[in-house]
Amino acid sequence: MNEMLHLVYELPRDSWEDFLRLGGWVVQVILFAALAMWLLILERYWYLKRIHPSRLAEKKAEWTGRRDRRSWTAQRIREQLLSELKIGMSATLPLIKVMVPLAPLLGLLGTVAGMLEVFDAMTAAGQADVRAMAYGVSHAMVATLAGLIVSLLGLFFSVRLAARVRWETDRLPDRFVTE
């Protein structure tokens, strides 16, 4: 039991180094893509928490400051104000949604690269060298694992963000009453 606890406490530093070494260049690309995706996700949460409320207040003040709210022109202005708010809320969501399937595709690229290493090792040795094959297979599996983990986490948060934007968007027309 003591050995197991010791292993758990040492896991982060050693496992990250091993993970990057075993995964090769593809895992580094996947981690870069994951960093970009997480920056976009955090930016969206920050926007919805900090920026959107003030923009909403500005647009609402602009709408309530109008004397005419019933004419055709006033309704077009209302639609424009709502549209600007919707665009602001969902600005980087399409990019996040692209990053989610990109990660497993990069993992697949790592799988193919790892299997090519296996075949190269077999060709160079003229036979099945177990150590060289194991390295290539581990390279392939680590890249696949990294891509899947990044994708699953990104999928979870992108769906949550999209639902939050949809919820906020559905509530917008009620805040801009036409009296």
Protein backbone atom coordinates (compact mmCIF):
# COMPACT_ATOMS: atom_id res chain seq x y z
CA MET A 1 0.00 0.00 0.00
CA ASN A 2 2.84 2.36 0.84
CA GLU A 3 4.44 1.73 -2.56
CA MET A 4 1.16 2.57 -4.25
CA LEU A 5 0.87 5.91 -2.42
CA HIS A 6 4.49 6.68 -3.27
CA LEU A 7 3.76 5.93 -6.94
CA VAL A 8 0.71 8.21 -6.95
CA TYR A 9 2.67 11.12 -5.47
CA GLU A 10 5.43 10.77 -8.07
CA LEU A 11 3.06 10.26 -10.98
CA PRO A 12 2.57 13.81 -12.30
CA ARG A 13 6.14 14.83 -13.10
CA ASP A 14 7.40 11.47 -14.30
CA SER A 15 4.26 10.57 -16.17
CA TRP A 16 4.18 13.87 -18.09
CA GLU A 17 7.78 13.44 -19.19
CA ASP A 18 7.12 9.81 -20.18
CA PHE A 19 3.86 10.77 -21.84
CA LEU A 20 5.54 13.41 -24.02
CA ARG A 21 8.50 11.16 -24.79
CA LEU A 22 6.37 8.14 -25.68
CA GLY A 23 3.84 10.12 -27.70
CA GLY A 24 6.41 11.85 -29.85
CA TRP A 25 5.84 15.00 -31.84
CA VAL A 26 2.15 14.26 -32.41
CA VAL A 27 1.36 14.49 -28.69
CA GLN A 28 3.09 17.86 -28.59
CA VAL A 29 0.86 19.05 -31.44
CA ILE A 30 -2.19 17.65 -29.63
CA LEU A 31 -1.20 19.46 -26.43
CA PHE A 32 -0.73 22.69 -28.38
CA ALA A 33 -4.21 22.24 -29.93
CA ALA A 34 -5.60 21.48 -26.46
CA LEU A 35 -4.02 24.65 -25.06
CA ALA A 36 -5.57 26.71 -27.87
CA MET A 37 -8.96 25.06 -27.33
CA TRP A 38 -8.84 25.65 -23.57
CA LEU A 39 -7.88 29.28 -24.04
CA LEU A 40 -10.91 29.70 -26.30
CA ILE A 41 -13.19 27.92 -23.82
CA LEU A 42 -11.94 30.03 -20.91
CA GLU A 43 -12.32 33.18 -23.00
CA ARG A 44 -15.97 32.31 -23.71
CA TYR A 45 -16.72 31.70 -20.05
CA TRP A 46 -15.00 34.97 -19.17
CA TYR A 47 -16.97 36.79 -21.89
CA LEU A 48 -20.29 35.39 -20.70
CA LYS A 49 -19.50 36.21 -17.06
CA ARG A 50 -17.82 39.63 -17.39
CA ILE A 51 -18.36 41.24 -20.80
CA HIS A 52 -21.84 40.10 -21.85
CA PRO A 53 -23.71 41.61 -18.87
CA SER A 54 -22.26 45.07 -19.55
CA ARG A 55 -22.91 44.81 -23.31
CA LEU A 56 -26.45 43.69 -22.55
CA ALA A 57 -26.95 46.68 -20.26
CA GLU A 58 -25.61 49.04 -22.96
CA LYS A 59 -27.87 47.64 -25.67
CA LYS A 60 -30.86 47.59 -23.35
CA ALA A 61 -30.24 51.22 -22.37
CA GLU A 62 -29.99 52.11 -26.04
CA TRP A 63 -33.32 50.38 -26.69
CA THR A 64 -35.15 51.82 -23.68
CA GLY A 65 -33.80 55.29 -24.49
CA ARG A 66 -35.74 55.28 -27.75
CA ARG A 67 -39.12 56.95 -27.77
CA ASP A 68 -40.41 54.96 -30.72
CA ARG A 69 -40.38 51.19 -30.14
CA ARG A 70 -43.31 50.07 -32.28
CA SER A 71 -42.57 51.21 -35.82
CA TRP A 72 -41.04 49.00 -38.50
CA THR A 73 -37.76 50.90 -38.21
CA ALA A 74 -37.71 50.51 -34.45
CA GLN A 75 -38.24 46.75 -34.80
CA ARG A 76 -35.28 46.51 -37.22
CA ILE A 77 -33.13 48.40 -34.73
CA ARG A 78 -34.26 45.99 -32.01
CA GLU A 79 -33.34 43.03 -34.23
CA GLN A 80 -29.93 44.57 -34.87
CA LEU A 81 -29.30 45.05 -31.14
CA LEU A 82 -30.31 41.44 -30.44
CA SER A 83 -28.19 40.18 -33.32
CA GLU A 84 -25.11 42.03 -32.08
CA LEU A 85 -25.54 40.45 -28.66
CA LYS A 86 -26.01 36.96 -30.15
CA ILE A 87 -22.93 37.33 -32.34
CA GLY A 88 -20.89 38.49 -29.35
CA MET A 89 -21.94 35.49 -27.26
CA SER A 90 -21.21 32.87 -29.89
CA ALA A 91 -18.12 34.43 -31.50
CA THR A 92 -15.57 31.65 -30.95
CA LEU A 93 -17.94 28.69 -30.53
CA PRO A 94 -17.45 27.50 -34.14
CA LEU A 95 -13.68 27.45 -33.63
CA ILE A 96 -14.06 25.46 -30.41
CA LYS A 97 -16.35 23.03 -32.22
CA VAL A 98 -13.63 22.55 -34.87
CA MET A 99 -10.96 21.90 -32.26
CA VAL A 100 -12.98 19.10 -30.63
CA PRO A 101 -12.83 16.65 -33.60
CA LEU A 102 -9.34 17.84 -34.53
CA ALA A 103 -7.79 16.23 -31.43
CA PRO A 104 -8.77 12.60 -32.19
CA LEU A 105 -7.75 13.10 -35.81
CA LEU A 106 -4.32 14.19 -34.62
CA GLY A 107 -4.35 11.13 -32.34
CA LEU A 108 -5.07 9.00 -35.40
CA LEU A 109 -2.14 10.63 -37.14
CA GLY A 110 0.01 9.59 -34.16
CA THR A 111 -1.38 6.05 -34.42
CA VAL A 112 -0.41 5.83 -38.07
CA ALA A 113 3.03 7.32 -37.37
CA GLY A 114 3.58 4.82 -34.53
CA MET A 115 2.55 1.87 -36.65
CA LEU A 116 4.88 3.05 -39.40
CA GLU A 117 7.67 2.98 -36.82
CA VAL A 118 6.72 -0.61 -36.02
CA PHE A 119 6.92 -1.60 -39.66
CA ASP A 120 10.21 0.26 -40.13
CA ALA A 121 11.68 -1.56 -37.12
CA MET A 122 10.52 -4.89 -38.51
CA THR A 123 11.99 -4.10 -41.92
CA ALA A 124 15.31 -2.88 -40.53
CA ALA A 125 15.76 -5.91 -38.29
CA GLY A 126 14.49 -8.35 -40.88
CA GLN A 127 12.35 -9.90 -38.17
CA ALA A 128 9.94 -8.94 -35.43
CA ASP A 129 12.01 -7.09 -32.80
CA VAL A 130 9.74 -6.96 -29.78
CA ARG A 131 11.33 -3.88 -28.21
CA ALA A 132 11.14 -1.80 -31.39
CA MET A 133 7.59 -2.94 -31.99
CA ALA A 134 6.57 -2.12 -28.42
CA TYR A 135 7.96 1.40 -28.74
CA GLY A 136 6.03 2.01 -31.96
CA VAL A 137 2.81 0.59 -30.54
CA SER A 138 3.14 2.64 -27.35
CA HIS A 139 3.79 5.74 -29.48
CA ALA A 140 0.60 4.98 -31.38
CA MET A 141 -1.52 4.35 -28.30
CA VAL A 142 -0.27 7.38 -26.35
CA ALA A 143 -1.10 9.68 -29.27
CA THR A 144 -4.55 8.12 -29.61
CA LEU A 145 -5.17 8.43 -25.88
CA ALA A 146 -4.11 12.09 -25.83
CA GLY A 147 -6.36 12.93 -28.76
CA LEU A 148 -9.36 11.20 -27.24
CA ILE A 149 -8.95 12.78 -23.81
CA VAL A 150 -8.62 16.28 -25.27
CA SER A 151 -11.62 15.68 -27.50
CA LEU A 152 -13.88 14.31 -24.77
CA LEU A 153 -13.16 17.15 -22.38
CA GLY A 154 -13.52 19.71 -25.15
CA LEU A 155 -16.80 18.15 -26.25
CA PHE A 156 -18.22 18.36 -22.74
CA PHE A 157 -17.38 22.03 -22.31
CA SER A 158 -18.31 23.05 -25.86
CA VAL A 159 -21.77 21.51 -25.40
CA ARG A 160 -22.16 23.32 -22.08
CA LEU A 161 -21.10 26.61 -23.65
CA ALA A 162 -23.45 26.15 -26.61
CA ALA A 163 -26.33 25.41 -24.22
CA ARG A 164 -25.52 28.50 -22.17
CA VAL A 165 -25.41 30.68 -25.29
CA ARG A 166 -28.69 29.18 -26.52
CA TRP A 167 -30.30 29.82 -23.12
CA GLU A 168 -29.08 33.44 -23.05
CA THR A 169 -30.17 33.93 -26.67
CA ASP A 170 -33.66 32.62 -25.94
CA ARG A 171 -34.00 35.09 -23.06
CA LEU A 172 -32.85 38.14 -25.04
CA PRO A 173 -36.16 39.08 -26.76
CA ASP A 174 -37.93 39.22 -23.39
CA ARG A 175 -35.48 41.86 -22.20
CA PHE A 176 -36.16 44.15 -25.15
CA VAL A 177 -39.91 44.72 -24.81
CA THR A 178 -41.75 46.71 -27.46
CA GLU A 179 -44.42 48.22 -25.15
